[in-house]
Amino acid sequence: MNSFLHLLKGEVLRLVRYKIIFFGILVSLIWVVLIYFLDAQTAKGFMPFLAMLDAGMMSVILLGATFFLEKQEGSIKTLLVSPVSLVQVLAAKVGSAIISAMISVVMVLGSGFVFHGIQTNFLLVFLYVFVIVLSHTAIGYVITLRSKDFMSMMMKFAGLSLLLMIPSFLYLLGVIEEQLNWLLLLSPMYAAQYLIQSIHSSADLLLIVGSTLYLALLGTFLYGKVVYPRFKEFAIGG
């Protein structure tokens, strides 16, 4: 446990040193300003989407940037030859991503309360951010471990994001009917948005449970079957 906490502290400090948390907060401030100028009803509709962007998409982008910066300076090699398990290393990286995402999501949802009085259950937010970050960072690592550099990783992620974000946009525009929600949840980004949206509006309990389990199982499967086997070899050998 002490080893994990030490690793987690190191990962958070690394995010600070690389200015990853700074840029995450900067993006969130843009959403805060946007929420300020929206009316309460519109803000309530957009906040889940903006929170999903911070917890999901931004987690992947910041993860990719951190990974290649670590690899460039050789800190990953040093970490992997230290007396800690790869499971602890990956868990610490996920933990630091959750901390970074929580800061951003609290800023977005908190601004809704400050400017428009929109109440938020932050215990549920923490649970949802956990499974969102777990699943999306796993997807991010799958892409990263198949990329030569940060730019190629970003190109692949941009293409995948456009595909996965289509359901969210279609639902926001009212093109997709409520009855088809269960099909849209196959998109991790839409599942993430649905979970956060359920905090502020009525939602199907079965879909909430299904989305939570889906994101948790997706992240666990990808970390166990794809990320874990390739992480050490890629980080050291390229």
C-alpha atoms as a PDB file:
ATOM      1  CA  MET A   1       0.000   0.000   0.000  1.00  0.00           C
ATOM      2  CA  ASN A   2       2.832   2.371   0.856  1.00  0.00           C
ATOM      3  CA  SER A   3       4.464   1.596  -2.493  1.00  0.00           C
ATOM      4  CA  PHE A   4       1.243   2.405  -4.330  1.00  0.00           C
ATOM      5  CA  LEU A   5       0.768   5.701  -2.454  1.00  0.00           C
ATOM      6  CA  HIS A   6       4.373   6.635  -3.219  1.00  0.00           C
ATOM      7  CA  LEU A   7       3.813   5.845  -6.903  1.00  0.00           C
ATOM      8  CA  LEU A   8       0.551   7.792  -6.930  1.00  0.00           C
ATOM      9  CA  LYS A   9       2.231  10.827  -5.389  1.00  0.00           C
ATOM     10  CA  GLY A  10       4.990  10.604  -7.992  1.00  0.00           C
ATOM     11  CA  GLU A  11       2.472  10.415 -10.841  1.00  0.00           C
ATOM     12  CA  VAL A  12       0.553  13.449  -9.577  1.00  0.00           C
ATOM     13  CA  LEU A  13       3.785  15.450  -9.184  1.00  0.00           C
ATOM     14  CA  ARG A  14       4.748  14.408 -12.715  1.00  0.00           C
ATOM     15  CA  LEU A  15       1.432  15.727 -14.029  1.00  0.00           C
ATOM     16  CA  VAL A  16       2.163  19.001 -12.291  1.00  0.00           C
ATOM     17  CA  ARG A  17       5.719  19.161 -13.666  1.00  0.00           C
ATOM     18  CA  TYR A  18       4.571  18.426 -17.217  1.00  0.00           C
ATOM     19  CA  LYS A  19       1.832  21.067 -16.769  1.00  0.00           C
ATOM     20  CA  ILE A  20      -0.767  18.412 -17.604  1.00  0.00           C
ATOM     21  CA  ILE A  21      -3.025  19.420 -14.722  1.00  0.00           C
ATOM     22  CA  PHE A  22      -2.520  23.091 -15.617  1.00  0.00           C
ATOM     23  CA  PHE A  23      -3.769  22.599 -19.179  1.00  0.00           C
ATOM     24  CA  GLY A  24      -6.631  20.429 -17.935  1.00  0.00           C
ATOM     25  CA  ILE A  25      -7.731  23.232 -15.611  1.00  0.00           C
ATOM     26  CA  LEU A  26      -7.319  25.757 -18.427  1.00  0.00           C
ATOM     27  CA  VAL A  27      -9.723  23.786 -20.647  1.00  0.00           C
ATOM     28  CA  SER A  28     -12.180  23.467 -17.749  1.00  0.00           C
ATOM     29  CA  LEU A  29     -12.070  27.239 -17.224  1.00  0.00           C
ATOM     30  CA  ILE A  30     -13.242  27.645 -20.814  1.00  0.00           C
ATOM     31  CA  TRP A  31     -16.248  25.424 -20.015  1.00  0.00           C
ATOM     32  CA  VAL A  32     -16.874  27.423 -16.814  1.00  0.00           C
ATOM     33  CA  VAL A  33     -17.025  30.668 -18.791  1.00  0.00           C
ATOM     34  CA  LEU A  34     -19.364  29.023 -21.309  1.00  0.00           C
ATOM     35  CA  ILE A  35     -21.674  27.810 -18.527  1.00  0.00           C
ATOM     36  CA  TYR A  36     -21.724  31.299 -17.037  1.00  0.00           C
ATOM     37  CA  PHE A  37     -23.131  32.787 -20.254  1.00  0.00           C
ATOM     38  CA  LEU A  38     -25.715  30.030 -20.812  1.00  0.00           C
ATOM     39  CA  ASP A  39     -29.172  30.091 -19.284  1.00  0.00           C
ATOM     40  CA  ALA A  40     -29.882  27.529 -16.557  1.00  0.00           C
ATOM     41  CA  GLN A  41     -31.810  25.067 -18.752  1.00  0.00           C
ATOM     42  CA  THR A  42     -29.241  25.092 -21.555  1.00  0.00           C
ATOM     43  CA  ALA A  43     -26.372  24.798 -19.065  1.00  0.00           C
ATOM     44  CA  LYS A  44     -28.056  21.808 -17.442  1.00  0.00           C
ATOM     45  CA  GLY A  45     -28.254  20.120 -20.845  1.00  0.00           C
ATOM     46  CA  PHE A  46     -24.646  20.831 -21.836  1.00  0.00           C
ATOM     47  CA  MET A  47     -22.899  20.196 -18.516  1.00  0.00           C
ATOM     48  CA  PRO A  48     -22.929  16.359 -18.817  1.00  0.00           C
ATOM     49  CA  PHE A  49     -21.394  16.595 -22.295  1.00  0.00           C
ATOM     50  CA  LEU A  50     -18.693  19.011 -21.120  1.00  0.00           C
ATOM     51  CA  ALA A  51     -17.953  16.860 -18.059  1.00  0.00           C
ATOM     52  CA  MET A  52     -17.680  13.798 -20.318  1.00  0.00           C
ATOM     53  CA  LEU A  53     -15.165  15.672 -22.488  1.00  0.00           C
ATOM     54  CA  ASP A  54     -13.028  16.428 -19.425  1.00  0.00           C
ATOM     55  CA  ALA A  55     -13.273  13.000 -17.772  1.00  0.00           C
ATOM     56  CA  GLY A  56     -13.152  10.990 -20.989  1.00  0.00           C
ATOM     57  CA  MET A  57     -11.471  12.661 -23.945  1.00  0.00           C
ATOM     58  CA  MET A  58      -9.126  14.958 -22.030  1.00  0.00           C
ATOM     59  CA  SER A  59      -7.966  12.012 -19.899  1.00  0.00           C
ATOM     60  CA  VAL A  60      -6.878  10.193 -23.054  1.00  0.00           C
ATOM     61  CA  ILE A  61      -5.108  13.211 -24.555  1.00  0.00           C
ATOM     62  CA  LEU A  62      -3.285  14.056 -21.327  1.00  0.00           C
ATOM     63  CA  LEU A  63      -2.390  10.392 -20.813  1.00  0.00           C
ATOM     64  CA  GLY A  64      -0.836  10.195 -24.274  1.00  0.00           C
ATOM     65  CA  ALA A  65       1.152  13.386 -23.741  1.00  0.00           C
ATOM     66  CA  THR A  66       2.385  12.158 -20.363  1.00  0.00           C
ATOM     67  CA  PHE A  67       3.379   8.738 -21.699  1.00  0.00           C
ATOM     68  CA  PHE A  68       5.519  10.061 -24.541  1.00  0.00           C
ATOM     69  CA  LEU A  69       7.099  12.725 -22.336  1.00  0.00           C
ATOM     70  CA  GLU A  70       7.976  10.036 -19.781  1.00  0.00           C
ATOM     71  CA  LYS A  71       9.377   7.807 -22.484  1.00  0.00           C
ATOM     72  CA  GLN A  72      11.418  10.657 -23.951  1.00  0.00           C
ATOM     73  CA  GLU A  73      13.081  11.490 -20.646  1.00  0.00           C
ATOM     74  CA  GLY A  74      13.500   7.820 -19.676  1.00  0.00           C
ATOM     75  CA  SER A  75      11.488   7.954 -16.464  1.00  0.00           C
ATOM     76  CA  ILE A  76       9.324   4.982 -17.485  1.00  0.00           C
ATOM     77  CA  LYS A  77      12.389   2.740 -17.822  1.00  0.00           C
ATOM     78  CA  THR A  78      13.567   3.781 -14.357  1.00  0.00           C
ATOM     79  CA  LEU A  79      10.134   3.153 -12.894  1.00  0.00           C
ATOM     80  CA  LEU A  80       9.750  -0.309 -14.425  1.00  0.00           C
ATOM     81  CA  VAL A  81      13.099  -1.577 -13.129  1.00  0.00           C
ATOM     82  CA  SER A  82      12.282  -0.441  -9.593  1.00  0.00           C
ATOM     83  CA  PRO A  83      10.952  -2.977  -7.027  1.00  0.00           C
ATOM     84  CA  VAL A  84       7.264  -2.357  -7.793  1.00  0.00           C
ATOM     85  CA  SER A  85       4.843  -4.400  -9.856  1.00  0.00           C
ATOM     86  CA  LEU A  86       3.522  -3.302 -13.222  1.00  0.00           C
ATOM     87  CA  VAL A  87       0.013  -3.572 -11.773  1.00  0.00           C
ATOM     88  CA  GLN A  88       0.920  -0.932  -9.174  1.00  0.00           C
ATOM     89  CA  VAL A  89       2.463   1.288 -11.844  1.00  0.00           C
ATOM     90  CA  LEU A  90      -0.666   1.161 -14.016  1.00  0.00           C
ATOM     91  CA  ALA A  91      -2.950   1.600 -10.993  1.00  0.00           C
ATOM     92  CA  ALA A  92      -1.010   4.725  -9.960  1.00  0.00           C
ATOM     93  CA  LYS A  93      -1.311   6.150 -13.476  1.00  0.00           C
ATOM     94  CA  VAL A  94      -5.065   5.532 -13.481  1.00  0.00           C
ATOM     95  CA  GLY A  95      -5.295   7.052  -9.991  1.00  0.00           C
ATOM     96  CA  SER A  96      -3.504  10.231 -11.057  1.00  0.00           C
ATOM     97  CA  ALA A  97      -5.759  10.477 -14.128  1.00  0.00           C
ATOM     98  CA  ILE A  98      -8.808  10.170 -11.852  1.00  0.00           C
ATOM     99  CA  ILE A  99      -7.509  12.987  -9.623  1.00  0.00           C
ATOM    100  CA  SER A 100      -6.903  15.210 -12.651  1.00  0.00           C
ATOM    101  CA  ALA A 101     -10.340  14.395 -14.099  1.00  0.00           C
ATOM    102  CA  MET A 102     -12.089  15.013 -10.768  1.00  0.00           C
ATOM    103  CA  ILE A 103     -10.569  18.488 -10.549  1.00  0.00           C
ATOM    104  CA  SER A 104     -11.919  19.333 -13.999  1.00  0.00           C
ATOM    105  CA  VAL A 105     -15.340  17.733 -13.507  1.00  0.00           C
ATOM    106  CA  VAL A 106     -15.840  19.420 -10.127  1.00  0.00           C
ATOM    107  CA  MET A 107     -15.026  22.752 -11.769  1.00  0.00           C
ATOM    108  CA  VAL A 108     -17.589  22.169 -14.531  1.00  0.00           C
ATOM    109  CA  LEU A 109     -20.392  20.816 -12.346  1.00  0.00           C
ATOM    110  CA  GLY A 110     -19.575  23.195  -9.500  1.00  0.00           C
ATOM    111  CA  SER A 111     -19.928  26.176 -11.830  1.00  0.00           C
ATOM    112  CA  GLY A 112     -23.429  24.952 -12.644  1.00  0.00           C
ATOM    113  CA  PHE A 113     -24.308  25.242  -8.962  1.00  0.00           C
ATOM    114  CA  VAL A 114     -22.581  28.599  -8.471  1.00  0.00           C
ATOM    115  CA  PHE A 115     -24.082  30.270 -11.550  1.00  0.00           C
ATOM    116  CA  HIS A 116     -27.432  28.490 -11.923  1.00  0.00           C
ATOM    117  CA  GLY A 117     -28.094  26.659  -8.636  1.00  0.00           C
ATOM    118  CA  ILE A 118     -27.898  23.198 -10.291  1.00  0.00           C
ATOM    119  CA  GLN A 119     -27.437  20.627  -7.495  1.00  0.00           C
ATOM    120  CA  THR A 120     -24.930  17.766  -7.919  1.00  0.00           C
ATOM    121  CA  ASN A 121     -24.388  14.536  -5.960  1.00  0.00           C
ATOM    122  CA  PHE A 122     -20.583  14.409  -5.894  1.00  0.00           C
ATOM    123  CA  LEU A 123     -20.483  10.902  -4.394  1.00  0.00           C
ATOM    124  CA  LEU A 124     -22.101   9.631  -7.577  1.00  0.00           C
ATOM    125  CA  VAL A 125     -19.790  11.874  -9.595  1.00  0.00           C
ATOM    126  CA  PHE A 126     -16.748  10.177  -8.056  1.00  0.00           C
ATOM    127  CA  LEU A 127     -18.100   6.704  -8.867  1.00  0.00           C
ATOM    128  CA  TYR A 128     -18.913   7.680 -12.435  1.00  0.00           C
ATOM    129  CA  VAL A 129     -15.598   9.482 -12.997  1.00  0.00           C
ATOM    130  CA  PHE A 130     -13.787   6.363 -11.759  1.00  0.00           C
ATOM    131  CA  VAL A 131     -15.353   4.047 -14.357  1.00  0.00           C
ATOM    132  CA  ILE A 132     -15.162   6.724 -17.077  1.00  0.00           C
ATOM    133  CA  VAL A 133     -11.449   7.318 -16.532  1.00  0.00           C
ATOM    134  CA  LEU A 134     -10.753   3.583 -16.164  1.00  0.00           C
ATOM    135  CA  SER A 135     -12.375   2.778 -19.505  1.00  0.00           C
ATOM    136  CA  HIS A 136     -11.156   5.800 -21.454  1.00  0.00           C
ATOM    137  CA  THR A 137      -7.535   5.629 -20.282  1.00  0.00           C
ATOM    138  CA  ALA A 138      -7.568   1.944 -21.213  1.00  0.00           C
ATOM    139  CA  ILE A 139      -8.728   2.915 -24.712  1.00  0.00           C
ATOM    140  CA  GLY A 140      -6.054   5.628 -24.716  1.00  0.00           C
ATOM    141  CA  TYR A 141      -3.319   3.136 -23.837  1.00  0.00           C
ATOM    142  CA  VAL A 142      -4.487   0.727 -26.533  1.00  0.00           C
ATOM    143  CA  ILE A 143      -4.080   3.536 -29.080  1.00  0.00           C
ATOM    144  CA  THR A 144      -0.825   4.810 -27.552  1.00  0.00           C
ATOM    145  CA  LEU A 145       0.811   1.386 -27.541  1.00  0.00           C
ATOM    146  CA  ARG A 146       0.114   1.157 -31.259  1.00  0.00           C
ATOM    147  CA  SER A 147       1.522   4.593 -32.083  1.00  0.00           C
ATOM    148  CA  LYS A 148       5.060   5.684 -32.887  1.00  0.00           C
ATOM    149  CA  ASP A 149       4.741   9.160 -31.405  1.00  0.00           C
ATOM    150  CA  PHE A 150       2.270  11.580 -29.867  1.00  0.00           C
ATOM    151  CA  MET A 151       1.100  13.019 -33.198  1.00  0.00           C
ATOM    152  CA  SER A 152       0.287   9.607 -34.674  1.00  0.00           C
ATOM    153  CA  MET A 153      -1.523   8.739 -31.438  1.00  0.00           C
ATOM    154  CA  MET A 154      -3.561  11.948 -31.686  1.00  0.00           C
ATOM    155  CA  MET A 155      -4.520  11.241 -35.303  1.00  0.00           C
ATOM    156  CA  LYS A 156      -5.812   7.795 -34.378  1.00  0.00           C
ATOM    157  CA  PHE A 157      -7.611   9.110 -31.321  1.00  0.00           C
ATOM    158  CA  ALA A 158      -9.218  11.948 -33.291  1.00  0.00           C
ATOM    159  CA  GLY A 159     -10.644   9.465 -35.795  1.00  0.00           C
ATOM    160  CA  LEU A 160     -11.966   7.184 -33.053  1.00  0.00           C
ATOM    161  CA  SER A 161     -13.387  10.124 -31.105  1.00  0.00           C
ATOM    162  CA  LEU A 162     -15.344  11.409 -34.094  1.00  0.00           C
ATOM    163  CA  LEU A 163     -16.859   7.966 -34.478  1.00  0.00           C
ATOM    164  CA  LEU A 164     -17.676   7.532 -30.776  1.00  0.00           C
ATOM    165  CA  MET A 165     -19.012  11.064 -30.341  1.00  0.00           C
ATOM    166  CA  ILE A 166     -21.607  10.768 -33.100  1.00  0.00           C
ATOM    167  CA  PRO A 167     -24.230   9.223 -30.755  1.00  0.00           C
ATOM    168  CA  SER A 168     -23.757  12.035 -28.212  1.00  0.00           C
ATOM    169  CA  PHE A 169     -24.240  14.743 -30.827  1.00  0.00           C
ATOM    170  CA  LEU A 170     -27.241  13.007 -32.374  1.00  0.00           C
ATOM    171  CA  TYR A 171     -28.879  12.652 -28.973  1.00  0.00           C
ATOM    172  CA  LEU A 172     -28.166  16.294 -28.074  1.00  0.00           C
ATOM    173  CA  LEU A 173     -29.792  17.365 -31.345  1.00  0.00           C
ATOM    174  CA  GLY A 174     -32.822  15.176 -30.694  1.00  0.00           C
ATOM    175  CA  VAL A 175     -32.233  13.031 -33.789  1.00  0.00           C
ATOM    176  CA  ILE A 176     -32.167   9.826 -31.757  1.00  0.00           C
ATOM    177  CA  GLU A 177     -35.204   8.875 -29.728  1.00  0.00           C
ATOM    178  CA  GLU A 178     -35.110   8.039 -26.018  1.00  0.00           C
ATOM    179  CA  GLN A 179     -36.108   4.428 -26.684  1.00  0.00           C
ATOM    180  CA  LEU A 180     -32.822   3.745 -28.499  1.00  0.00           C
ATOM    181  CA  ASN A 181     -30.608   4.804 -25.583  1.00  0.00           C
ATOM    182  CA  TRP A 182     -29.566   1.243 -24.799  1.00  0.00           C
ATOM    183  CA  LEU A 183     -28.004   0.853 -28.263  1.00  0.00           C
ATOM    184  CA  LEU A 184     -26.115   4.146 -27.997  1.00  0.00           C
ATOM    185  CA  LEU A 185     -24.541   3.042 -24.723  1.00  0.00           C
ATOM    186  CA  LEU A 186     -22.211   0.801 -26.743  1.00  0.00           C
ATOM    187  CA  SER A 187     -20.244   4.013 -27.306  1.00  0.00           C
ATOM    188  CA  PRO A 188     -18.108   4.535 -24.158  1.00  0.00           C
ATOM    189  CA  MET A 189     -18.375   8.296 -24.611  1.00  0.00           C
ATOM    190  CA  TYR A 190     -22.153   8.209 -24.735  1.00  0.00           C
ATOM    191  CA  ALA A 191     -22.274   5.833 -21.752  1.00  0.00           C
ATOM    192  CA  ALA A 192     -20.097   8.322 -19.839  1.00  0.00           C
ATOM    193  CA  GLN A 193     -22.339  11.225 -20.803  1.00  0.00           C
ATOM    194  CA  TYR A 194     -25.462   9.278 -19.825  1.00  0.00           C
ATOM    195  CA  LEU A 195     -24.086   8.548 -16.364  1.00  0.00           C
ATOM    196  CA  ILE A 196     -23.260  12.179 -15.634  1.00  0.00           C
ATOM    197  CA  GLN A 197     -26.541  13.331 -17.171  1.00  0.00           C
ATOM    198  CA  SER A 198     -28.439  10.980 -14.845  1.00  0.00           C
ATOM    199  CA  ILE A 199     -27.220  13.019 -11.861  1.00  0.00           C
ATOM    200  CA  HIS A 200     -29.236  16.063 -12.917  1.00  0.00           C
ATOM    201  CA  SER A 201     -32.266  14.483 -14.596  1.00  0.00           C
ATOM    202  CA  SER A 202     -34.462  11.394 -14.465  1.00  0.00           C
ATOM    203  CA  ALA A 203     -32.872   8.329 -16.030  1.00  0.00           C
ATOM    204  CA  ASP A 204     -33.514   4.614 -16.412  1.00  0.00           C
ATOM    205  CA  LEU A 205     -31.932   2.806 -13.436  1.00  0.00           C
ATOM    206  CA  LEU A 206     -31.253  -0.252 -15.597  1.00  0.00           C
ATOM    207  CA  LEU A 207     -29.342   1.880 -18.104  1.00  0.00           C
ATOM    208  CA  ILE A 208     -27.391   3.566 -15.295  1.00  0.00           C
ATOM    209  CA  VAL A 209     -26.328   0.202 -13.845  1.00  0.00           C
ATOM    210  CA  GLY A 210     -25.630  -1.175 -17.315  1.00  0.00           C
ATOM    211  CA  SER A 211     -23.487   1.832 -18.267  1.00  0.00           C
ATOM    212  CA  THR A 212     -21.499   1.641 -15.031  1.00  0.00           C
ATOM    213  CA  LEU A 213     -20.836  -2.088 -15.413  1.00  0.00           C
ATOM    214  CA  TYR A 214     -20.063  -1.736 -19.115  1.00  0.00           C
ATOM    215  CA  LEU A 215     -17.424   0.965 -18.590  1.00  0.00           C
ATOM    216  CA  ALA A 216     -15.912  -0.864 -15.599  1.00  0.00           C
ATOM    217  CA  LEU A 217     -15.709  -4.188 -17.447  1.00  0.00           C
ATOM    218  CA  LEU A 218     -14.421  -2.551 -20.648  1.00  0.00           C
ATOM    219  CA  GLY A 219     -11.599  -0.824 -18.764  1.00  0.00           C
ATOM    220  CA  THR A 220     -10.730  -3.947 -16.756  1.00  0.00           C
ATOM    221  CA  PHE A 221     -10.704  -6.145 -19.867  1.00  0.00           C
ATOM    222  CA  LEU A 222      -8.529  -3.785 -21.921  1.00  0.00           C
ATOM    223  CA  TYR A 223      -6.035  -3.244 -19.096  1.00  0.00           C
ATOM    224  CA  GLY A 224      -5.814  -6.956 -18.351  1.00  0.00           C
ATOM    225  CA  LYS A 225      -5.755  -8.394 -21.875  1.00  0.00           C
ATOM    226  CA  VAL A 226      -4.208  -5.635 -24.007  1.00  0.00           C
ATOM    227  CA  VAL A 227      -2.437  -2.917 -22.009  1.00  0.00           C
ATOM    228  CA  TYR A 228      -0.696  -5.013 -19.343  1.00  0.00           C
ATOM    229  CA  PRO A 229       0.958  -7.500 -21.749  1.00  0.00           C
ATOM    230  CA  ARG A 230       2.372  -4.783 -24.027  1.00  0.00           C
ATOM    231  CA  PHE A 231       3.118  -1.882 -21.685  1.00  0.00           C
ATOM    232  CA  LYS A 232       6.547  -2.863 -20.405  1.00  0.00           C
ATOM    233  CA  GLU A 233       7.870  -4.021 -23.778  1.00  0.00           C
ATOM    234  CA  PHE A 234       6.710  -0.843 -25.543  1.00  0.00           C
ATOM    235  CA  ALA A 235       7.883   1.544 -22.820  1.00  0.00           C
ATOM    236  CA  ILE A 236      11.379   0.108 -22.763  1.00  0.00           C
ATOM    237  CA  GLY A 237      11.916  -0.991 -26.320  1.00  0.00           C
ATOM    238  CA  GLY A 238       9.653   1.344 -28.305  1.00  0.00           C
END
